[in-house]
N, C-alpha and C. Protein backbone atom coordinates (compact mmCIF):
# COMPACT_ATOMS: atom_id res chain seq x y z
N ALA A 1 -67.95 -25.15 11.42
CA ALA A 1 -66.59 -25.26 10.89
C ALA A 1 -66.35 -26.69 10.41
N ASP A 2 -65.44 -26.84 9.59
CA ASP A 2 -65.09 -28.17 9.10
C ASP A 2 -63.63 -28.41 8.93
N GLN A 3 -63.11 -29.64 8.50
CA GLN A 3 -61.84 -29.70 8.25
C GLN A 3 -61.76 -30.84 7.06
N GLY A 4 -60.54 -31.05 6.59
CA GLY A 4 -60.41 -31.96 5.48
C GLY A 4 -59.24 -31.47 4.64
N MET A 5 -58.89 -32.21 3.51
CA MET A 5 -57.95 -31.84 2.54
C MET A 5 -58.58 -31.49 1.22
N ALA A 6 -58.52 -30.32 0.65
CA ALA A 6 -59.38 -29.94 -0.54
C ALA A 6 -58.20 -30.07 -1.72
N SER A 7 -58.76 -30.37 -2.98
CA SER A 7 -58.05 -30.34 -4.08
C SER A 7 -58.78 -29.81 -5.23
N ALA A 8 -58.17 -29.28 -6.24
CA ALA A 8 -58.72 -28.90 -7.56
C ALA A 8 -57.80 -29.09 -8.59
N ASP A 9 -58.51 -29.24 -9.69
CA ASP A 9 -57.61 -29.38 -11.04
C ASP A 9 -58.37 -28.91 -12.20
N THR A 10 -57.64 -28.00 -13.01
CA THR A 10 -58.24 -27.62 -14.41
C THR A 10 -57.16 -27.30 -15.11
N SER A 11 -57.43 -26.82 -16.47
CA SER A 11 -56.40 -26.24 -17.25
C SER A 11 -57.08 -25.31 -18.23
N ILE A 12 -56.13 -24.33 -18.65
CA ILE A 12 -56.70 -23.27 -19.54
C ILE A 12 -55.83 -23.45 -20.76
N SER A 13 -56.47 -23.14 -21.84
CA SER A 13 -55.55 -23.14 -23.25
C SER A 13 -56.27 -21.96 -23.93
N PHE A 14 -55.41 -21.34 -24.77
CA PHE A 14 -55.90 -20.43 -25.77
C PHE A 14 -54.81 -20.08 -26.73
N ASN A 15 -55.18 -19.40 -27.86
CA ASN A 15 -54.29 -18.94 -28.74
C ASN A 15 -54.13 -17.44 -28.89
N VAL A 16 -53.12 -17.01 -29.22
CA VAL A 16 -52.72 -15.55 -29.42
C VAL A 16 -52.04 -15.32 -30.59
N SER A 17 -52.85 -14.22 -31.45
CA SER A 17 -52.19 -13.81 -32.66
C SER A 17 -51.50 -12.35 -32.31
N ILE A 18 -50.22 -12.13 -32.59
CA ILE A 18 -49.65 -10.94 -32.33
C ILE A 18 -48.97 -10.42 -33.62
N ASP A 19 -49.25 -9.15 -33.92
CA ASP A 19 -48.61 -8.49 -35.08
C ASP A 19 -47.87 -7.27 -34.34
N MET A 20 -46.53 -7.48 -34.15
CA MET A 20 -45.75 -6.28 -33.46
C MET A 20 -45.66 -5.14 -34.29
N ALA A 21 -45.51 -5.52 -35.60
CA ALA A 21 -45.24 -4.20 -36.58
C ALA A 21 -46.57 -3.39 -36.38
N LYS A 22 -47.67 -3.92 -36.52
CA LYS A 22 -49.04 -3.08 -36.51
C LYS A 22 -49.33 -2.69 -35.06
N GLY A 23 -48.91 -3.35 -34.15
CA GLY A 23 -49.14 -3.17 -32.67
C GLY A 23 -50.67 -3.77 -32.33
N VAL A 24 -50.94 -4.77 -33.14
CA VAL A 24 -52.27 -5.35 -32.67
C VAL A 24 -52.18 -6.90 -32.31
N HIS A 25 -53.15 -7.31 -31.51
CA HIS A 25 -53.16 -8.67 -30.98
C HIS A 25 -54.44 -9.07 -30.76
N GLU A 26 -54.66 -10.48 -30.83
CA GLU A 26 -56.00 -11.05 -30.52
C GLU A 26 -55.80 -12.41 -29.79
N LEU A 27 -56.64 -12.49 -28.75
CA LEU A 27 -56.66 -13.79 -27.88
C LEU A 27 -57.93 -14.41 -28.39
N PHE A 28 -57.73 -15.80 -28.79
CA PHE A 28 -58.89 -16.42 -29.33
C PHE A 28 -58.77 -17.91 -29.02
N ALA A 29 -59.84 -18.76 -29.21
CA ALA A 29 -59.90 -20.08 -28.79
C ALA A 29 -59.69 -20.42 -27.38
N PHE A 30 -60.21 -19.41 -26.34
CA PHE A 30 -59.88 -19.51 -25.03
C PHE A 30 -60.77 -20.77 -24.58
N LYS A 31 -60.07 -21.72 -23.77
CA LYS A 31 -61.03 -22.72 -23.20
C LYS A 31 -60.50 -23.18 -21.89
N LEU A 32 -61.45 -23.24 -20.94
CA LEU A 32 -61.18 -23.67 -19.46
C LEU A 32 -61.73 -25.08 -19.46
N SER A 33 -60.90 -26.08 -19.23
CA SER A 33 -61.37 -27.40 -19.15
C SER A 33 -62.32 -27.72 -17.93
N LYS A 34 -62.68 -28.90 -17.85
CA LYS A 34 -63.63 -29.38 -16.68
C LYS A 34 -62.92 -29.09 -15.38
N ILE A 35 -63.55 -28.56 -14.25
CA ILE A 35 -62.99 -28.18 -13.03
C ILE A 35 -63.23 -29.44 -12.25
N ASP A 36 -62.12 -30.09 -11.82
CA ASP A 36 -62.35 -31.27 -10.78
C ASP A 36 -62.06 -30.61 -9.42
N LEU A 37 -63.07 -30.56 -8.53
CA LEU A 37 -62.98 -30.09 -7.30
C LEU A 37 -63.40 -31.07 -6.24
N ASP A 38 -62.44 -31.28 -5.12
CA ASP A 38 -62.72 -32.05 -4.19
C ASP A 38 -62.62 -31.36 -2.87
N LEU A 39 -63.52 -30.98 -1.98
CA LEU A 39 -63.45 -30.05 -1.01
C LEU A 39 -63.11 -31.01 0.35
N GLY A 40 -63.30 -32.21 0.22
CA GLY A 40 -62.68 -33.09 1.27
C GLY A 40 -63.12 -32.89 2.69
N ALA A 41 -64.55 -32.45 2.72
CA ALA A 41 -65.15 -32.05 4.08
C ALA A 41 -65.18 -33.30 4.82
N VAL A 42 -65.04 -33.12 6.19
CA VAL A 42 -65.28 -34.37 7.01
C VAL A 42 -66.72 -34.21 7.73
N HIS A 43 -67.03 -32.97 8.11
CA HIS A 43 -68.35 -32.93 8.94
C HIS A 43 -69.44 -32.51 8.10
N HIS A 44 -69.37 -31.79 7.03
CA HIS A 44 -70.35 -31.26 6.21
C HIS A 44 -70.34 -31.69 4.73
N ALA A 45 -70.03 -33.10 4.59
CA ALA A 45 -69.82 -33.76 3.33
C ALA A 45 -71.12 -33.23 2.35
N TRP A 46 -72.09 -33.17 2.63
CA TRP A 46 -73.32 -32.89 1.95
C TRP A 46 -73.21 -31.45 1.32
N LEU A 47 -72.74 -30.56 2.17
CA LEU A 47 -72.57 -29.19 1.72
C LEU A 47 -71.35 -29.12 0.71
N ALA A 48 -70.35 -29.77 0.99
CA ALA A 48 -69.19 -29.82 0.05
C ALA A 48 -69.57 -30.37 -1.29
N ARG A 49 -70.40 -31.36 -1.43
CA ARG A 49 -70.88 -32.04 -2.63
C ARG A 49 -71.63 -30.91 -3.37
N GLU A 50 -72.51 -30.15 -2.73
CA GLU A 50 -73.40 -29.11 -3.35
C GLU A 50 -72.40 -28.09 -3.96
N LEU A 51 -71.38 -27.56 -3.11
CA LEU A 51 -70.64 -26.59 -3.62
C LEU A 51 -69.77 -27.05 -4.84
N GLU A 52 -69.38 -28.40 -4.88
CA GLU A 52 -68.71 -28.97 -5.93
C GLU A 52 -69.57 -28.78 -7.19
N LYS A 53 -70.97 -29.22 -7.00
CA LYS A 53 -71.73 -29.17 -8.09
C LYS A 53 -71.86 -27.70 -8.67
N LEU A 54 -72.06 -26.79 -7.76
CA LEU A 54 -72.22 -25.37 -8.06
C LEU A 54 -71.04 -24.83 -8.93
N THR A 55 -69.88 -25.27 -8.49
CA THR A 55 -68.52 -24.91 -9.22
C THR A 55 -68.64 -25.41 -10.80
N LYS A 56 -69.10 -26.57 -10.82
CA LYS A 56 -69.12 -27.12 -12.24
C LYS A 56 -70.25 -26.48 -13.09
N PHE A 57 -71.36 -26.00 -12.46
CA PHE A 57 -72.25 -25.18 -13.17
C PHE A 57 -71.80 -23.80 -13.51
N MET A 58 -70.82 -23.18 -12.66
CA MET A 58 -70.43 -21.97 -12.80
C MET A 58 -69.20 -21.85 -13.77
N ARG A 59 -68.82 -22.91 -14.38
CA ARG A 59 -67.69 -23.02 -15.22
C ARG A 59 -67.76 -22.01 -16.40
N PRO A 60 -68.89 -21.81 -17.03
CA PRO A 60 -68.77 -20.70 -18.07
C PRO A 60 -68.48 -19.33 -17.60
N LEU A 61 -69.04 -18.99 -16.21
CA LEU A 61 -68.79 -17.71 -15.75
C LEU A 61 -67.43 -17.54 -15.42
N VAL A 62 -66.72 -18.52 -14.75
CA VAL A 62 -65.40 -18.49 -14.34
C VAL A 62 -64.46 -18.41 -15.60
N SER A 63 -64.91 -19.11 -16.70
CA SER A 63 -64.23 -19.05 -17.98
C SER A 63 -64.14 -17.57 -18.50
N ASP A 64 -65.28 -17.11 -18.55
CA ASP A 64 -65.53 -15.49 -19.08
C ASP A 64 -64.43 -14.63 -18.19
N ILE A 65 -64.50 -14.71 -16.86
CA ILE A 65 -63.73 -13.92 -16.01
C ILE A 65 -62.21 -14.37 -16.36
N LEU A 66 -61.85 -15.52 -16.37
CA LEU A 66 -60.39 -15.83 -16.78
C LEU A 66 -60.04 -15.27 -18.16
N GLU A 67 -60.88 -15.27 -19.08
CA GLU A 67 -60.51 -14.86 -20.36
C GLU A 67 -60.31 -13.33 -20.44
N LYS A 68 -61.10 -12.59 -19.71
CA LYS A 68 -61.01 -11.14 -19.38
C LYS A 68 -59.74 -10.74 -18.81
N THR A 69 -59.39 -11.59 -17.84
CA THR A 69 -58.19 -11.29 -17.08
C THR A 69 -56.99 -11.63 -17.95
N ALA A 70 -56.95 -12.80 -18.69
CA ALA A 70 -55.91 -13.04 -19.66
C ALA A 70 -55.77 -12.06 -20.74
N THR A 71 -56.74 -11.55 -21.23
CA THR A 71 -56.82 -10.38 -22.39
C THR A 71 -56.14 -9.19 -21.68
N LYS A 72 -56.59 -8.85 -20.36
CA LYS A 72 -56.08 -7.66 -19.73
C LYS A 72 -54.48 -7.90 -19.52
N ALA A 73 -54.12 -9.02 -19.06
CA ALA A 73 -52.67 -9.18 -18.84
C ALA A 73 -51.93 -9.19 -20.19
N LEU A 74 -52.40 -9.48 -21.21
CA LEU A 74 -51.81 -9.64 -22.62
C LEU A 74 -51.73 -8.20 -23.00
N ASP A 75 -52.81 -7.44 -22.92
CA ASP A 75 -52.78 -6.03 -23.27
C ASP A 75 -51.66 -5.16 -22.43
N SER A 76 -51.66 -5.41 -21.16
CA SER A 76 -50.54 -4.78 -20.44
C SER A 76 -49.07 -5.31 -20.69
N SER A 77 -49.02 -6.48 -20.96
CA SER A 77 -47.66 -7.14 -21.34
C SER A 77 -47.18 -6.54 -22.54
N LEU A 78 -48.02 -6.42 -23.59
CA LEU A 78 -47.59 -5.95 -24.96
C LEU A 78 -47.49 -4.49 -24.81
N ALA A 79 -48.23 -3.77 -24.07
CA ALA A 79 -47.99 -2.23 -23.93
C ALA A 79 -46.54 -2.05 -23.55
N VAL A 80 -46.32 -2.73 -22.48
CA VAL A 80 -44.88 -2.57 -21.91
C VAL A 80 -43.81 -2.96 -23.03
N ILE A 81 -43.90 -4.04 -23.67
CA ILE A 81 -43.10 -4.41 -24.77
C ILE A 81 -43.03 -3.33 -25.75
N HIS A 82 -44.20 -2.77 -26.26
CA HIS A 82 -44.24 -1.86 -27.34
C HIS A 82 -43.73 -0.52 -27.00
N GLU A 83 -43.82 -0.14 -25.83
CA GLU A 83 -43.48 1.31 -25.27
C GLU A 83 -42.05 1.23 -24.72
N GLN A 84 -41.56 0.04 -24.19
CA GLN A 84 -40.22 0.08 -23.42
C GLN A 84 -39.35 -0.89 -24.08
N GLY A 85 -39.77 -1.91 -24.94
CA GLY A 85 -39.03 -2.84 -25.56
C GLY A 85 -39.15 -4.17 -24.68
N ALA A 86 -38.74 -5.26 -25.32
CA ALA A 86 -38.99 -6.54 -24.79
C ALA A 86 -37.98 -6.78 -23.48
N CYS A 87 -36.93 -6.28 -23.57
CA CYS A 87 -35.89 -6.35 -22.49
C CYS A 87 -36.68 -5.72 -21.14
N ALA A 88 -37.44 -4.70 -21.42
CA ALA A 88 -37.98 -4.04 -20.10
C ALA A 88 -38.95 -5.04 -19.66
N PHE A 89 -39.83 -5.77 -20.60
CA PHE A 89 -40.79 -6.64 -20.08
C PHE A 89 -40.08 -7.84 -19.31
N LEU A 90 -38.96 -8.40 -19.91
CA LEU A 90 -38.21 -9.37 -19.13
C LEU A 90 -37.77 -9.02 -17.96
N GLN A 91 -37.24 -7.72 -17.77
CA GLN A 91 -36.79 -7.18 -16.47
C GLN A 91 -37.94 -7.20 -15.57
N GLY A 92 -39.09 -6.84 -15.99
CA GLY A 92 -40.30 -6.70 -15.10
C GLY A 92 -40.61 -8.15 -14.65
N SER A 93 -40.50 -9.21 -15.36
CA SER A 93 -40.68 -10.62 -15.16
C SER A 93 -39.72 -10.97 -13.88
N VAL A 94 -38.51 -10.52 -14.23
CA VAL A 94 -37.45 -10.91 -13.09
C VAL A 94 -37.79 -10.26 -11.83
N ASN A 95 -38.20 -9.02 -11.89
CA ASN A 95 -38.59 -8.19 -10.59
C ASN A 95 -39.77 -9.02 -9.86
N ASP A 96 -40.56 -9.55 -10.76
CA ASP A 96 -41.80 -10.26 -10.10
C ASP A 96 -41.50 -11.66 -9.58
N LEU A 97 -40.30 -12.11 -9.70
CA LEU A 97 -39.73 -13.43 -8.95
C LEU A 97 -39.70 -13.18 -7.67
N GLY A 98 -39.37 -11.92 -7.01
CA GLY A 98 -39.36 -11.62 -5.58
C GLY A 98 -40.77 -11.90 -4.89
N LEU A 99 -41.87 -11.98 -5.66
CA LEU A 99 -43.12 -12.27 -5.06
C LEU A 99 -43.54 -13.69 -4.89
N VAL A 100 -42.51 -14.53 -5.22
CA VAL A 100 -42.68 -16.01 -5.16
C VAL A 100 -41.79 -16.72 -4.16
N ASP A 101 -42.24 -17.87 -3.56
CA ASP A 101 -41.32 -18.45 -2.79
C ASP A 101 -40.95 -19.75 -3.45
N LEU A 102 -39.71 -19.86 -3.95
CA LEU A 102 -38.95 -20.84 -4.74
C LEU A 102 -38.58 -21.91 -3.68
N GLN A 103 -38.79 -23.30 -4.11
CA GLN A 103 -38.06 -24.20 -3.32
C GLN A 103 -38.24 -25.58 -4.06
N PHE A 104 -37.43 -26.58 -3.83
CA PHE A 104 -37.37 -27.73 -4.37
C PHE A 104 -36.94 -28.80 -3.35
N THR A 105 -37.81 -30.09 -3.49
CA THR A 105 -37.68 -31.14 -2.45
C THR A 105 -37.48 -32.37 -3.31
N SER A 106 -36.58 -33.39 -2.94
CA SER A 106 -36.36 -34.75 -3.44
C SER A 106 -37.27 -35.56 -2.68
N TYR A 107 -38.54 -35.79 -3.12
CA TYR A 107 -39.57 -36.61 -2.25
C TYR A 107 -38.94 -38.04 -2.33
N GLU A 108 -38.49 -38.38 -3.44
CA GLU A 108 -37.90 -39.82 -3.67
C GLU A 108 -36.49 -39.57 -4.22
N PRO A 109 -35.54 -40.58 -3.52
CA PRO A 109 -34.02 -40.25 -4.01
C PRO A 109 -33.98 -40.59 -5.56
N ILE A 110 -32.95 -39.93 -6.13
CA ILE A 110 -32.67 -40.13 -7.44
C ILE A 110 -31.54 -41.04 -7.73
N GLU A 111 -31.77 -42.24 -8.38
CA GLU A 111 -30.71 -43.25 -8.51
C GLU A 111 -29.81 -42.80 -9.70
N ALA A 112 -28.45 -42.97 -9.43
CA ALA A 112 -27.33 -42.51 -10.48
C ALA A 112 -26.35 -43.52 -10.29
N HIS A 113 -25.62 -43.76 -11.45
CA HIS A 113 -24.48 -44.58 -11.42
C HIS A 113 -23.17 -43.84 -11.36
N VAL A 114 -22.32 -44.00 -10.38
CA VAL A 114 -21.13 -43.54 -10.24
C VAL A 114 -19.99 -44.56 -10.56
N PRO A 115 -19.12 -44.29 -11.62
CA PRO A 115 -18.12 -45.20 -11.87
C PRO A 115 -17.32 -45.64 -10.67
N VAL A 116 -17.05 -46.85 -10.51
CA VAL A 116 -16.31 -47.46 -9.28
C VAL A 116 -16.92 -47.76 -8.10
N LEU A 117 -17.84 -46.62 -7.80
CA LEU A 117 -18.68 -46.72 -6.66
C LEU A 117 -19.99 -47.67 -6.85
N GLY A 118 -20.48 -47.43 -8.10
CA GLY A 118 -21.82 -48.22 -8.38
C GLY A 118 -22.97 -47.35 -8.46
N ASN A 119 -24.18 -47.86 -8.06
CA ASN A 119 -25.45 -47.15 -8.01
C ASN A 119 -25.58 -46.47 -6.79
N ILE A 120 -26.01 -45.30 -6.77
CA ILE A 120 -26.30 -44.59 -5.40
C ILE A 120 -27.64 -43.85 -5.45
N ASN A 121 -28.18 -43.61 -4.38
CA ASN A 121 -29.38 -42.80 -4.22
C ASN A 121 -28.98 -41.38 -3.88
N ILE A 122 -29.25 -40.35 -4.42
CA ILE A 122 -29.13 -39.01 -4.23
C ILE A 122 -30.33 -38.22 -3.79
N SER A 123 -30.26 -37.34 -2.95
CA SER A 123 -31.34 -36.38 -2.61
C SER A 123 -30.87 -35.00 -2.44
N VAL A 124 -31.67 -33.99 -2.99
CA VAL A 124 -31.17 -32.60 -2.86
C VAL A 124 -32.51 -31.79 -2.52
N ASN A 125 -32.32 -31.11 -1.38
CA ASN A 125 -33.59 -30.25 -0.96
C ASN A 125 -33.10 -28.83 -0.70
N SER A 126 -33.82 -27.83 -1.11
CA SER A 126 -33.43 -26.49 -0.86
C SER A 126 -33.68 -26.05 0.53
N THR A 127 -32.97 -25.16 1.12
CA THR A 127 -33.10 -24.47 2.32
C THR A 127 -33.57 -23.21 2.28
N ASP A 128 -33.00 -22.55 1.21
CA ASP A 128 -33.48 -21.21 0.76
C ASP A 128 -33.02 -20.74 -0.57
N ILE A 129 -33.84 -19.93 -1.37
CA ILE A 129 -33.50 -19.66 -2.69
C ILE A 129 -33.80 -18.24 -2.69
N THR A 130 -32.81 -17.31 -3.10
CA THR A 130 -33.06 -15.84 -3.38
C THR A 130 -33.16 -15.73 -4.82
N PRO A 131 -34.10 -15.46 -5.51
CA PRO A 131 -34.26 -15.38 -6.97
C PRO A 131 -33.52 -14.11 -7.48
N PRO A 132 -33.16 -14.00 -8.72
CA PRO A 132 -32.59 -12.83 -9.28
C PRO A 132 -33.46 -11.66 -9.03
N THR A 133 -32.93 -10.52 -8.86
CA THR A 133 -33.62 -9.25 -8.58
C THR A 133 -33.30 -8.21 -9.73
N SER A 134 -32.15 -8.56 -10.37
CA SER A 134 -31.79 -7.56 -11.54
C SER A 134 -31.04 -8.54 -12.56
N MET A 135 -30.91 -7.88 -13.80
CA MET A 135 -30.33 -8.52 -14.86
C MET A 135 -29.88 -7.53 -15.93
N GLN A 136 -29.02 -7.86 -16.83
CA GLN A 136 -28.74 -7.04 -17.88
C GLN A 136 -29.25 -7.73 -19.32
N CYS A 137 -30.25 -7.09 -19.85
CA CYS A 137 -30.71 -7.85 -21.17
C CYS A 137 -30.23 -7.05 -22.28
N GLU A 138 -29.41 -7.73 -23.04
CA GLU A 138 -28.77 -7.09 -24.17
C GLU A 138 -29.57 -7.16 -25.38
N HIS A 139 -30.26 -8.34 -25.63
CA HIS A 139 -31.08 -8.41 -26.80
C HIS A 139 -32.18 -9.51 -26.52
N LEU A 140 -33.34 -9.24 -27.14
CA LEU A 140 -34.49 -10.17 -27.05
C LEU A 140 -35.17 -10.18 -28.41
N SER A 141 -35.46 -11.44 -29.05
CA SER A 141 -36.08 -11.37 -30.15
C SER A 141 -36.92 -12.80 -30.29
N PHE A 142 -37.99 -12.58 -31.12
CA PHE A 142 -38.89 -13.76 -31.47
C PHE A 142 -39.13 -13.72 -33.00
N ASN A 143 -38.83 -15.01 -33.53
CA ASN A 143 -38.97 -15.03 -34.94
C ASN A 143 -40.28 -15.75 -35.36
N GLY A 144 -41.07 -15.97 -34.47
CA GLY A 144 -42.53 -16.63 -34.77
C GLY A 144 -42.33 -18.03 -34.10
N THR A 145 -41.23 -18.49 -33.94
CA THR A 145 -41.32 -19.98 -33.30
C THR A 145 -40.31 -19.92 -32.14
N THR A 146 -39.23 -19.20 -32.24
CA THR A 146 -38.13 -19.29 -31.25
C THR A 146 -37.99 -17.96 -30.64
N LEU A 147 -37.77 -17.87 -29.27
CA LEU A 147 -37.45 -16.77 -28.42
C LEU A 147 -36.05 -16.70 -28.11
N THR A 148 -35.37 -15.81 -28.57
CA THR A 148 -33.90 -15.82 -28.34
C THR A 148 -33.57 -14.60 -27.43
N ALA A 149 -32.69 -14.87 -26.41
CA ALA A 149 -32.36 -13.78 -25.37
C ALA A 149 -30.92 -13.83 -25.08
N HIS A 150 -30.28 -12.69 -25.00
CA HIS A 150 -29.04 -12.51 -24.52
C HIS A 150 -29.05 -11.66 -23.31
N VAL A 151 -28.81 -12.41 -22.10
CA VAL A 151 -28.95 -11.90 -20.80
C VAL A 151 -27.72 -12.19 -20.07
N THR A 152 -27.25 -11.21 -19.41
CA THR A 152 -26.13 -11.24 -18.38
C THR A 152 -26.28 -10.77 -17.12
N ASP A 153 -25.46 -10.97 -16.25
CA ASP A 153 -25.54 -10.34 -14.76
C ASP A 153 -26.79 -10.81 -14.16
N VAL A 154 -27.17 -12.08 -13.96
CA VAL A 154 -28.39 -12.38 -13.30
C VAL A 154 -27.97 -13.02 -11.84
N PRO A 155 -27.76 -12.13 -10.83
CA PRO A 155 -27.35 -12.68 -9.59
C PRO A 155 -28.49 -13.48 -8.75
N PHE A 156 -28.10 -14.57 -8.17
CA PHE A 156 -29.03 -15.28 -7.30
C PHE A 156 -28.09 -16.05 -6.25
N HIS A 157 -29.04 -16.62 -5.23
CA HIS A 157 -28.39 -17.43 -4.10
C HIS A 157 -29.37 -18.55 -3.88
N MET A 158 -28.70 -19.66 -3.64
CA MET A 158 -29.40 -20.85 -3.11
C MET A 158 -28.77 -21.71 -2.15
N GLY A 159 -29.38 -22.06 -1.05
CA GLY A 159 -28.93 -22.98 -0.14
C GLY A 159 -29.51 -24.38 -0.33
N PHE A 160 -28.86 -25.38 -0.17
CA PHE A 160 -29.57 -26.68 -0.04
C PHE A 160 -28.74 -27.78 0.73
N LEU A 161 -29.51 -28.72 1.10
CA LEU A 161 -28.93 -29.89 1.79
C LEU A 161 -28.86 -31.10 0.77
N TRP A 162 -27.89 -31.97 0.77
CA TRP A 162 -27.71 -32.91 -0.18
C TRP A 162 -27.24 -34.19 0.65
N ALA A 163 -27.57 -35.27 0.00
CA ALA A 163 -27.07 -36.57 0.70
C ALA A 163 -27.14 -37.66 -0.38
N TYR A 164 -26.09 -38.69 -0.17
CA TYR A 164 -26.01 -39.78 -1.11
C TYR A 164 -25.79 -41.12 -0.34
N GLN A 165 -26.26 -42.26 -0.73
CA GLN A 165 -25.92 -43.44 -0.29
C GLN A 165 -25.88 -44.44 -1.21
N LYS A 166 -24.88 -45.35 -1.26
CA LYS A 166 -24.64 -46.52 -2.06
C LYS A 166 -25.72 -47.42 -1.97
N LEU A 167 -26.35 -47.98 -2.78
CA LEU A 167 -27.49 -49.02 -2.66
C LEU A 167 -26.90 -50.19 -2.04
N GLY A 168 -27.50 -50.77 -1.02
CA GLY A 168 -27.24 -52.00 -0.24
C GLY A 168 -25.94 -51.84 0.63
N SER A 169 -25.48 -50.60 0.97
CA SER A 169 -24.43 -50.32 1.79
C SER A 169 -24.75 -49.27 2.86
N SER A 170 -24.34 -49.65 4.12
CA SER A 170 -24.51 -48.63 5.19
C SER A 170 -23.14 -47.87 5.33
N PHE A 171 -22.02 -48.21 4.59
CA PHE A 171 -20.76 -47.59 4.82
C PHE A 171 -20.66 -46.43 3.90
N TRP A 172 -20.93 -46.55 2.53
CA TRP A 172 -20.81 -45.58 1.59
C TRP A 172 -21.97 -44.58 1.47
N HIS A 173 -21.85 -43.49 2.42
CA HIS A 173 -22.87 -42.47 2.35
C HIS A 173 -22.23 -41.17 2.81
N ASN A 174 -22.95 -40.22 2.59
CA ASN A 174 -22.44 -38.96 3.14
C ASN A 174 -23.69 -37.79 2.97
N SER A 175 -23.60 -36.79 3.68
CA SER A 175 -24.43 -35.72 3.40
C SER A 175 -23.91 -34.32 4.01
N GLY A 176 -24.48 -33.28 3.62
CA GLY A 176 -24.11 -31.97 3.91
C GLY A 176 -24.91 -30.91 3.39
N ALA A 177 -24.36 -29.67 3.75
CA ALA A 177 -25.19 -28.47 3.32
C ALA A 177 -24.19 -27.68 2.38
N SER A 178 -24.83 -27.05 1.43
CA SER A 178 -24.00 -26.25 0.34
C SER A 178 -24.80 -25.12 0.14
N GLN A 179 -24.03 -24.09 -0.52
CA GLN A 179 -24.49 -22.88 -0.99
C GLN A 179 -23.97 -22.59 -2.33
N VAL A 180 -24.73 -21.87 -3.20
CA VAL A 180 -24.40 -21.36 -4.43
C VAL A 180 -24.77 -19.92 -4.41
N LYS A 181 -23.79 -19.12 -4.82
CA LYS A 181 -24.11 -17.66 -5.07
C LYS A 181 -23.40 -17.25 -6.26
N VAL A 182 -24.24 -16.71 -7.07
CA VAL A 182 -23.81 -16.16 -8.50
C VAL A 182 -24.01 -14.75 -8.48
N VAL A 183 -22.95 -14.03 -8.57
CA VAL A 183 -23.02 -12.49 -8.57
C VAL A 183 -22.71 -11.94 -9.96
């Protein structure tokens, strides 16, 4: 057993050519950048170093797997768009939001100027976010450079804690809890 703080960093880039009229597409110039991996092992640092080296050697294999996965996802997405329309694809994406945990945190206060009061520090942290579960897509189009969507009825809920304090003052401050519900 070991302990420590692991981190990894990489990026993926690719180009896609889509001809919706002909129903054909191509994924090309797929590139997985260097994989920076730090396993942060405390007790077995030698093993962690070797695994990090192995990961770097395996980059071509990982790249091939990711390219096949991206191609499969593109095939599936375009099949939905072709068979059911772009709005159906967008609706599916909204449904998938329920699978993620959304949150936001102000790690550092945001400085803002308020007339009469002066400069203040503001922080906002989510307590809960319920993403949209449905929507009404009226129209979705893409002209080659711009995606345009007319979407209505996108209900969501968000709770958050807020606080502000005037810089250099212990008197001008406030905090509270708020909720937003869009139906």
